[in-house]
């Protein structure tokens, strides 16, 4: 039995003992617990997120004071230290998450809601319907992208999970209009050391049976394999390449190959958490046969990914900030409607975070019936004079594609390329 399994077994006995002592009203102590990886490398590390959460609490307190609300949000911070493991970071976060949540639960300090984890490996054992904690307390995550966390009873995901990205590719490939043919094949590029979001987005495309049913795919694992495909028409099964990462990652995949820049091909770059396509519209010649899939231009902040900068900011930090303010709004609504309910509340009902929408610094958060984020994804192309421009908008709620630029000036002429090599 794994160490995490032992923790879950101990938790089962602990929760029974805790229930014998009676339920503890969550407003009697800590309102929220923050469970996040704490390191120097992760953009969602507690090291960077904590100040945003404290700032949100201060803002919510000011709002509550102005409205005469009789309570304040308080927070407890629990960081995961994975330095003792041979592999650090998300891949070693599961046991840490189980241990932290177990401790909070048996001591009656779980609070009204939990923020985090972001790592899928940490979240899954907490929300697994068969072997998890079977808690009703809402877990609000900026992350937990993996499909293993889909449809969890108490998990809310404030950034688009892998299921939404897989659905985008299924429906976008099928869609056809005046400038886009229907597509049925694709190469998927899979790096060995992807970021957390890209790891799960690409994993979903590789493993999702729904995507495989609709799209004939092949996995490529190195720039050399990509180069081989673009240079060998007889071996090639598609003109379409799906990559996840940054512009620099895309350039690494192309590896300086002039053939890879040909208008015969189309690269789709998944780069959701980057506002650079809006901040600086100047593109590169190597991006002319690339469509970028990214978040909409609705942020009230500028992303700064420099971990050494005190003004660092990103979508993970914003999502946790916005979640605190939304939680405060929810609790004030409950208090205004029924003082007894909020005084006796053991946890916030997850339905307040499902099939709903709210405004935040990142724009509109629209959560579906499972608590997962829906967005209007931008699909951006590079014009012939090297400028980024929105070509399509894809609504993940209804899986609809809207053509924005009906007369694009792109490298493919008047129409995006066909999916199969020309005979």
Protein backbone atom coordinates (compact mmCIF):
# COMPACT_ATOMS: atom_id res chain seq x y z
CA UNK A 1 0.00 0.00 0.00
CA UNK A 2 1.34 3.44 -0.94
CA UNK A 3 1.98 6.09 1.73
CA UNK A 4 -0.93 8.13 0.36
CA UNK A 5 -3.23 5.12 0.69
CA UNK A 6 -2.27 4.86 4.35
CA UNK A 7 -3.16 8.50 4.84
CA UNK A 8 -6.55 7.96 3.22
CA UNK A 9 -7.16 4.94 5.44
CA UNK A 10 -6.26 6.96 8.54
CA UNK A 11 -8.46 9.76 7.29
CA UNK A 12 -11.47 7.43 7.14
CA UNK A 13 -11.14 6.71 10.86
CA UNK A 14 -10.35 10.35 11.62
CA UNK A 15 -13.43 11.70 9.90
CA UNK A 16 -15.65 9.27 11.80
CA UNK A 17 -14.11 10.43 15.06
CA UNK A 18 -14.54 14.05 14.03
CA UNK A 19 -18.20 13.49 13.19
CA UNK A 20 -18.76 12.01 16.64
CA UNK A 21 -17.56 15.29 18.15
CA UNK A 22 -20.14 17.18 16.08
CA UNK A 23 -19.88 19.61 13.22
CA UNK A 24 -17.86 22.79 13.67
CA UNK A 25 -19.31 25.96 12.19
CA UNK A 26 -16.76 27.18 9.65
CA UNK A 27 -17.21 30.84 10.61
CA UNK A 28 -16.00 30.04 14.15
CA UNK A 29 -12.42 29.77 12.94
CA UNK A 30 -10.48 29.94 9.70
CA UNK A 31 -12.72 30.74 6.74
CA UNK A 32 -10.47 29.37 4.00
CA UNK A 33 -7.47 27.07 3.83
CA UNK A 34 -4.94 27.54 1.05
CA UNK A 35 -3.19 24.31 -0.05
CA UNK A 36 -0.49 25.01 -2.63
CA UNK A 37 2.91 23.80 -3.72
CA UNK A 38 5.57 26.02 -2.17
CA UNK A 39 8.71 26.30 -4.27
CA UNK A 40 10.68 28.88 -6.25
CA UNK A 41 9.76 27.71 -9.76
CA UNK A 42 5.99 27.25 -10.02
CA UNK A 43 4.02 30.35 -11.08
CA UNK A 44 1.22 29.31 -8.70
CA UNK A 45 3.58 28.67 -5.76
CA UNK A 46 2.30 29.77 -2.36
CA UNK A 47 5.37 31.99 -2.30
CA UNK A 48 3.80 34.12 -5.05
CA UNK A 49 0.07 33.59 -4.48
CA UNK A 50 -0.06 34.36 -0.76
CA UNK A 51 0.21 38.14 -1.11
CA UNK A 52 -2.57 38.19 -3.70
CA UNK A 53 -4.86 36.27 -1.36
CA UNK A 54 -4.03 38.60 1.54
CA UNK A 55 -4.71 41.59 -0.72
CA UNK A 56 -8.08 40.11 -1.71
CA UNK A 57 -8.97 39.50 1.95
CA UNK A 58 -8.13 43.13 2.77
CA UNK A 59 -10.30 44.34 -0.11
CA UNK A 60 -13.15 42.05 0.92
CA UNK A 61 -12.89 43.30 4.53
CA UNK A 62 -13.24 46.88 3.28
CA UNK A 63 -16.29 45.92 1.24
CA UNK A 64 -17.81 44.12 4.23
CA UNK A 65 -17.21 47.10 6.52
CA UNK A 66 -18.86 49.45 4.05
CA UNK A 67 -21.88 47.15 3.85
CA UNK A 68 -22.03 46.55 7.60
CA UNK A 69 -21.36 42.80 7.35
CA UNK A 70 -20.61 41.16 10.68
CA UNK A 71 -17.80 38.85 9.59
CA UNK A 72 -14.38 38.87 7.94
CA UNK A 73 -12.65 36.24 5.83
CA UNK A 74 -9.57 34.70 7.45
CA UNK A 75 -7.05 32.36 5.84
CA UNK A 76 -4.64 29.62 6.83
CA UNK A 77 -1.77 28.81 4.46
CA UNK A 78 -0.43 25.27 4.02
CA UNK A 79 2.48 24.87 1.60
CA UNK A 80 3.69 21.59 0.07
CA UNK A 81 7.42 21.04 0.38
CA UNK A 82 8.55 18.44 -2.16
CA UNK A 83 12.31 18.93 -1.77
CA UNK A 84 12.63 15.58 0.05
CA UNK A 85 11.53 13.70 -3.08
CA UNK A 86 13.78 12.68 -5.97
CA UNK A 87 11.32 14.37 -8.35
CA UNK A 88 10.23 17.75 -7.07
CA UNK A 89 7.15 19.76 -7.94
CA UNK A 90 3.71 18.57 -8.96
CA UNK A 91 4.69 14.96 -9.62
CA UNK A 92 5.49 14.51 -5.90
CA UNK A 93 2.65 16.58 -4.42
CA UNK A 94 -0.03 13.90 -3.87
CA UNK A 95 1.07 12.64 -0.44
CA UNK A 96 1.70 16.17 0.78
CA UNK A 97 -1.84 17.23 -0.18
CA UNK A 98 -3.42 14.19 1.48
CA UNK A 99 -1.46 14.77 4.68
CA UNK A 100 -2.37 18.48 4.85
CA UNK A 101 -6.08 17.93 4.24
CA UNK A 102 -6.19 15.03 6.69
CA UNK A 103 -4.69 17.20 9.43
CA UNK A 104 -7.11 20.05 8.81
CA UNK A 105 -10.13 17.77 8.77
CA UNK A 106 -9.49 15.76 11.94
CA UNK A 107 -8.65 18.93 13.87
CA UNK A 108 -11.86 20.61 12.71
CA UNK A 109 -10.00 23.42 10.94
CA UNK A 110 -10.98 22.77 7.34
CA UNK A 111 -12.93 26.02 7.08
CA UNK A 112 -15.71 27.07 4.72
CA UNK A 113 -13.72 26.45 1.52
CA UNK A 114 -10.31 25.28 0.30
CA UNK A 115 -8.21 27.16 -2.27
CA UNK A 116 -5.90 24.87 -4.24
CA UNK A 117 -4.21 22.63 -5.02
CA UNK A 118 -3.18 23.60 -8.54
CA UNK A 119 -1.31 20.35 -9.29
CA UNK A 120 -3.53 17.61 -10.72
CA UNK A 121 -1.52 14.95 -8.87
CA UNK A 122 -2.28 16.74 -5.58
CA UNK A 123 -5.96 17.35 -6.28
CA UNK A 124 -6.96 13.92 -7.58
CA UNK A 125 -6.60 11.95 -4.30
CA UNK A 126 -8.63 14.65 -2.53
CA UNK A 127 -11.61 14.51 -4.90
CA UNK A 128 -11.54 10.93 -6.21
CA UNK A 129 -15.11 9.63 -5.80
CA UNK A 130 -14.02 6.06 -4.98
CA UNK A 131 -10.92 6.49 -2.80
CA UNK A 132 -10.89 10.20 -1.98
CA UNK A 133 -11.95 12.10 1.13
CA UNK A 134 -15.66 12.26 0.26
CA UNK A 135 -15.84 15.85 1.48
CA UNK A 136 -18.55 18.39 0.73
CA UNK A 137 -16.33 21.40 1.38
CA UNK A 138 -15.71 23.18 -1.95
CA UNK A 139 -12.19 22.95 -3.36
CA UNK A 140 -11.47 25.93 -5.63
CA UNK A 141 -8.49 25.38 -7.92
CA UNK A 142 -6.64 27.49 -10.47
CA UNK A 143 -5.44 24.37 -12.24
CA UNK A 144 -6.17 20.68 -11.57
CA UNK A 145 -6.31 20.49 -15.36
CA UNK A 146 -6.24 16.70 -15.79
CA UNK A 147 -9.24 14.68 -16.96
CA UNK A 148 -8.88 12.49 -13.85
CA UNK A 149 -10.39 15.44 -11.93
CA UNK A 150 -13.39 15.80 -14.26
CA UNK A 151 -16.88 15.78 -12.72
CA UNK A 152 -15.64 15.76 -9.11
CA UNK A 153 -18.46 16.53 -6.69
CA UNK A 154 -16.75 19.37 -4.81
CA UNK A 155 -14.06 20.69 -7.21
CA UNK A 156 -14.30 24.04 -9.00
CA UNK A 157 -11.68 24.87 -11.66
CA UNK A 158 -11.15 28.55 -12.44
CA UNK A 159 -8.93 27.98 -15.48
CA UNK A 160 -10.02 25.87 -18.48
CA UNK A 161 -9.41 22.18 -17.75
CA UNK A 162 -8.04 19.74 -20.31
CA UNK A 163 -11.54 18.51 -21.15
CA UNK A 164 -12.45 21.96 -22.50
CA UNK A 165 -9.30 22.09 -24.63
CA UNK A 166 -9.94 18.62 -26.01
CA UNK A 167 -13.51 19.65 -26.86
CA UNK A 168 -12.14 22.71 -28.65
CA UNK A 169 -10.00 20.58 -30.94
CA UNK A 170 -12.81 18.11 -31.62
CA UNK A 171 -15.29 20.81 -32.64
CA UNK A 172 -12.81 23.20 -34.26
CA UNK A 173 -11.44 20.39 -36.44
CA UNK A 174 -14.98 19.48 -37.49
CA UNK A 175 -16.01 23.08 -38.19
CA UNK A 176 -15.86 24.40 -41.74
CA UNK A 177 -16.63 27.79 -43.24
CA UNK A 178 -15.54 30.09 -46.07
CA UNK A 179 -11.87 30.09 -45.03
CA UNK A 180 -11.54 26.80 -43.12
CA UNK A 181 -12.05 23.25 -44.40
CA UNK A 182 -13.00 20.36 -42.16
CA UNK A 183 -9.98 18.56 -40.72
CA UNK A 184 -9.64 14.90 -39.75
CA UNK A 185 -5.96 14.34 -38.89
CA UNK A 186 -3.23 15.88 -36.74
CA UNK A 187 0.25 15.43 -35.38
CA UNK A 188 0.52 16.10 -31.64
CA UNK A 189 3.89 17.24 -30.32
CA UNK A 190 4.60 15.96 -26.81
CA UNK A 191 7.56 17.36 -24.87
CA UNK A 192 9.16 15.32 -22.11
CA UNK A 193 9.31 18.31 -19.74
CA UNK A 194 6.10 20.27 -20.30
CA UNK A 195 4.59 22.87 -17.99
CA UNK A 196 1.70 21.75 -15.78
CA UNK A 197 -1.01 23.09 -18.09
CA UNK A 198 0.61 21.80 -21.28
CA UNK A 199 1.28 18.38 -19.77
CA UNK A 200 -2.42 17.81 -19.12
CA UNK A 201 -3.70 19.53 -22.27
CA UNK A 202 -1.50 17.36 -24.48
CA UNK A 203 -2.18 14.29 -22.34
CA UNK A 204 -5.91 14.74 -22.94
CA UNK A 205 -5.42 14.90 -26.70
CA UNK A 206 -3.24 11.80 -26.59
CA UNK A 207 -5.45 9.73 -24.27
CA UNK A 208 -8.98 11.10 -24.76
CA UNK A 209 -11.04 8.50 -26.60
CA UNK A 210 -13.44 11.18 -27.85
CA UNK A 211 -10.65 13.05 -29.62
CA UNK A 212 -9.24 9.83 -31.07
CA UNK A 213 -12.69 8.89 -32.38
CA UNK A 214 -12.98 12.16 -34.27
CA UNK A 215 -9.38 12.83 -35.27
CA UNK A 216 -6.72 10.47 -36.61
CA UNK A 217 -3.57 11.44 -34.72
CA UNK A 218 0.09 10.58 -34.32
CA UNK A 219 2.41 11.61 -31.48
CA UNK A 220 5.76 13.25 -32.22
CA UNK A 221 8.28 13.55 -29.38
CA UNK A 222 11.23 15.53 -30.74
CA UNK A 223 12.00 18.37 -33.18
CA UNK A 224 13.82 15.78 -35.29
CA UNK A 225 10.59 13.81 -35.74
CA UNK A 226 8.77 16.99 -36.77
CA UNK A 227 11.52 17.80 -39.27
CA UNK A 228 11.29 14.29 -40.69
CA UNK A 229 7.54 14.65 -41.27
CA UNK A 230 7.71 18.05 -42.99
CA UNK A 231 10.50 16.84 -45.30
CA UNK A 232 8.94 13.48 -46.22
CA UNK A 233 5.63 13.77 -48.14
CA UNK A 234 5.32 10.01 -48.48
CA UNK A 235 5.52 9.45 -44.73
CA UNK A 236 3.28 12.38 -43.86
CA UNK A 237 -0.33 11.75 -42.75
CA UNK A 238 -1.28 15.35 -41.96
CA UNK A 239 -0.42 18.99 -42.63
CA UNK A 240 -1.54 19.97 -39.11
CA UNK A 241 0.68 20.06 -36.01
CA UNK A 242 -0.58 20.71 -32.46
CA UNK A 243 1.97 22.16 -30.02
CA UNK A 244 1.55 23.48 -26.47
CA UNK A 245 3.87 26.08 -24.96
CA UNK A 246 5.32 29.48 -25.79
CA UNK A 247 6.46 31.04 -29.05
CA UNK A 248 9.99 29.97 -28.11
CA UNK A 249 8.77 26.39 -27.71
CA UNK A 250 7.24 26.58 -31.18
CA UNK A 251 10.50 27.86 -32.65
CA UNK A 252 12.31 25.00 -30.93
CA UNK A 253 9.91 22.52 -32.53
CA UNK A 254 10.50 24.02 -35.97
CA UNK A 255 14.23 23.84 -35.27
CA UNK A 256 15.15 26.37 -37.95
CA UNK A 257 13.64 24.25 -40.71
CA UNK A 258 12.58 26.36 -43.68
CA UNK A 259 10.31 23.53 -44.77
CA UNK A 260 8.42 23.84 -41.47
CA UNK A 261 7.65 27.49 -42.31
CA UNK A 262 5.94 26.50 -45.56
CA UNK A 263 2.32 27.50 -46.21
CA UNK A 264 1.65 23.80 -46.84
CA UNK A 265 1.55 23.37 -43.06
CA UNK A 266 -0.41 24.78 -40.17
CA UNK A 267 0.81 24.70 -36.58
CA UNK A 268 -1.67 25.20 -33.73
CA UNK A 269 0.03 26.63 -30.63
CA UNK A 270 -1.82 26.27 -27.30
CA UNK A 271 -0.60 29.22 -25.23
CA UNK A 272 -3.52 30.16 -23.00
CA UNK A 273 -1.86 32.07 -20.17
CA UNK A 274 0.07 34.66 -22.16
CA UNK A 275 -1.20 38.17 -22.90
CA UNK A 276 1.72 39.03 -25.19
CA UNK A 277 -0.37 38.57 -28.35
CA UNK A 278 -2.49 41.53 -27.26
CA UNK A 279 0.15 43.67 -25.51
CA UNK A 280 2.64 43.59 -28.39
CA UNK A 281 0.95 42.77 -31.70
CA UNK A 282 4.26 42.42 -33.57
CA UNK A 283 4.85 38.81 -34.61
CA UNK A 284 7.72 36.84 -36.16
CA UNK A 285 8.04 35.52 -39.73
CA UNK A 286 8.20 31.97 -38.31
CA UNK A 287 4.68 32.47 -36.88
CA UNK A 288 3.04 33.09 -40.26
CA UNK A 289 1.81 29.50 -40.57
CA UNK A 290 0.75 29.30 -36.91
CA UNK A 291 -2.62 29.73 -35.22
CA UNK A 292 -2.38 30.56 -31.51
CA UNK A 293 -5.10 29.44 -29.10
CA UNK A 294 -5.16 31.75 -26.09
CA UNK A 295 -7.39 33.30 -23.42
CA UNK A 296 -9.52 36.34 -24.34
CA UNK A 297 -8.24 39.88 -23.96
CA UNK A 298 -10.19 40.64 -20.77
CA UNK A 299 -7.46 40.96 -18.13
CA UNK A 300 -7.25 44.07 -15.93
CA UNK A 301 -3.55 43.35 -15.29
CA UNK A 302 -0.43 42.75 -17.36
CA UNK A 303 1.24 39.37 -17.03
CA UNK A 304 4.76 39.53 -15.62
CA UNK A 305 6.35 36.08 -15.49
CA UNK A 306 9.65 37.18 -13.93
CA UNK A 307 9.81 35.18 -10.67
CA UNK A 308 12.39 37.62 -9.27
CA UNK A 309 10.22 40.68 -9.80
CA UNK A 310 8.09 41.95 -6.93
CA UNK A 311 5.48 42.92 -9.52
CA UNK A 312 5.16 39.37 -10.84
CA UNK A 313 1.59 38.58 -11.97
CA UNK A 314 -0.09 35.73 -13.83
CA UNK A 315 -3.46 34.07 -14.38
CA UNK A 316 -2.98 31.62 -11.49
CA UNK A 317 -2.41 34.45 -9.03
CA UNK A 318 -5.36 36.39 -10.44
CA UNK A 319 -7.68 33.39 -10.23
CA UNK A 320 -6.96 32.85 -6.53
CA UNK A 321 -7.36 36.59 -5.88
CA UNK A 322 -10.69 36.64 -7.72
CA UNK A 323 -11.89 33.48 -5.94
CA UNK A 324 -11.48 35.11 -2.53
CA UNK A 325 -13.54 38.13 -3.56
CA UNK A 326 -16.22 35.87 -5.06
CA UNK A 327 -16.32 33.79 -1.88
CA UNK A 328 -16.81 37.00 0.11
CA UNK A 329 -19.70 38.04 -2.14
CA UNK A 330 -21.32 34.63 -1.76
CA UNK A 331 -21.07 34.70 2.02
CA UNK A 332 -22.52 38.21 2.21
CA UNK A 333 -25.43 37.08 0.03
CA UNK A 334 -26.06 34.17 2.40
CA UNK A 335 -25.84 36.45 5.44
CA UNK A 336 -28.24 38.99 3.92
CA UNK A 337 -30.76 36.27 3.19
CA UNK A 338 -30.45 34.17 6.33
CA UNK A 339 -28.28 35.05 9.33
CA UNK A 340 -28.96 31.68 10.92
CA UNK A 341 -27.64 29.84 7.85
CA UNK A 342 -24.29 31.61 7.88
CA UNK A 343 -23.90 31.26 11.66
CA UNK A 344 -24.51 27.49 11.49
CA UNK A 345 -22.73 26.88 8.18
CA UNK A 346 -20.21 24.02 8.22
CA UNK A 347 -19.04 24.72 4.65
CA UNK A 348 -20.18 26.77 1.67
CA UNK A 349 -22.48 24.81 -0.63
CA UNK A 350 -20.68 24.02 -3.91
CA UNK A 351 -23.76 25.06 -5.87
CA UNK A 352 -22.78 28.68 -5.26
CA UNK A 353 -19.79 27.98 -7.54
CA UNK A 354 -21.58 26.02 -10.26
CA UNK A 355 -23.68 27.06 -13.22
CA UNK A 356 -22.85 30.65 -12.38
CA UNK A 357 -20.72 33.58 -13.48
CA UNK A 358 -18.91 36.44 -11.77
CA UNK A 359 -16.55 39.26 -12.67
CA UNK A 360 -12.91 39.34 -11.64
CA UNK A 361 -9.62 40.95 -12.54
CA UNK A 362 -9.16 38.32 -15.27
CA UNK A 363 -12.55 39.13 -16.82
CA UNK A 364 -15.69 37.04 -16.61
CA UNK A 365 -15.58 33.68 -14.88
CA UNK A 366 -18.31 31.47 -16.26
CA UNK A 367 -18.51 28.12 -14.44
CA UNK A 368 -20.51 25.23 -15.90
CA UNK A 369 -22.69 22.75 -13.99
CA UNK A 370 -19.55 20.85 -12.92
CA UNK A 371 -17.78 23.99 -11.68
CA UNK A 372 -15.41 24.16 -14.68
CA UNK A 373 -14.42 27.41 -16.42
CA UNK A 374 -15.88 28.25 -19.81
CA UNK A 375 -14.22 30.94 -21.93
CA UNK A 376 -14.29 32.50 -25.36
CA UNK A 377 -10.93 31.32 -26.66
CA UNK A 378 -9.15 33.54 -29.17
CA UNK A 379 -7.61 31.87 -32.23
CA UNK A 380 -4.97 34.31 -33.49
CA UNK A 381 -3.04 34.35 -36.76
CA UNK A 382 -0.05 36.35 -38.03
CA UNK A 383 -0.77 38.68 -40.94
CA UNK A 384 1.46 38.99 -43.99
CA UNK A 385 3.02 42.09 -42.40
CA UNK A 386 3.81 40.20 -39.18
CA UNK A 387 1.01 41.40 -36.89
CA UNK A 388 -1.10 39.28 -34.57
CA UNK A 389 -4.82 39.40 -35.31
CA UNK A 390 -7.84 37.45 -34.03
CA UNK A 391 -9.19 35.08 -36.69
CA UNK A 392 -11.75 33.04 -34.72
CA UNK A 393 -13.42 33.06 -31.31
CA UNK A 394 -14.41 29.68 -29.87
CA UNK A 395 -17.07 29.54 -27.14
CA UNK A 396 -16.33 26.51 -24.93
CA UNK A 397 -19.80 26.67 -23.36
CA UNK A 398 -21.60 25.93 -26.62
CA UNK A 399 -18.64 24.63 -28.66
CA UNK A 400 -19.31 27.27 -31.33
CA UNK A 401 -16.74 28.81 -33.68
CA UNK A 402 -17.20 32.44 -34.74
CA UNK A 403 -15.24 33.79 -37.71
CA UNK A 404 -13.96 37.27 -36.74
CA UNK A 405 -11.75 38.23 -39.70
CA UNK A 406 -13.63 37.30 -42.87
CA UNK A 407 -10.90 38.59 -45.18
CA UNK A 408 -7.63 37.54 -43.52
CA UNK A 409 -4.28 38.49 -45.00
CA UNK A 410 -2.38 35.33 -44.18
CA UNK A 411 0.29 33.11 -45.69
CA UNK A 412 -2.22 30.48 -46.86
CA UNK A 413 -3.88 32.82 -49.35
CA UNK A 414 -7.66 32.89 -49.06
CA UNK A 415 -8.15 29.62 -47.19
CA UNK A 416 -6.51 27.55 -44.47
CA UNK A 417 -4.77 24.39 -45.74
CA UNK A 418 -6.33 20.97 -46.13
CA UNK A 419 -5.48 18.39 -43.50
CA UNK A 420 -4.06 15.78 -45.86
CA UNK A 421 -1.00 15.98 -48.10
CA UNK A 422 -1.71 16.84 -51.69
CA UNK A 423 -1.63 13.84 -54.00
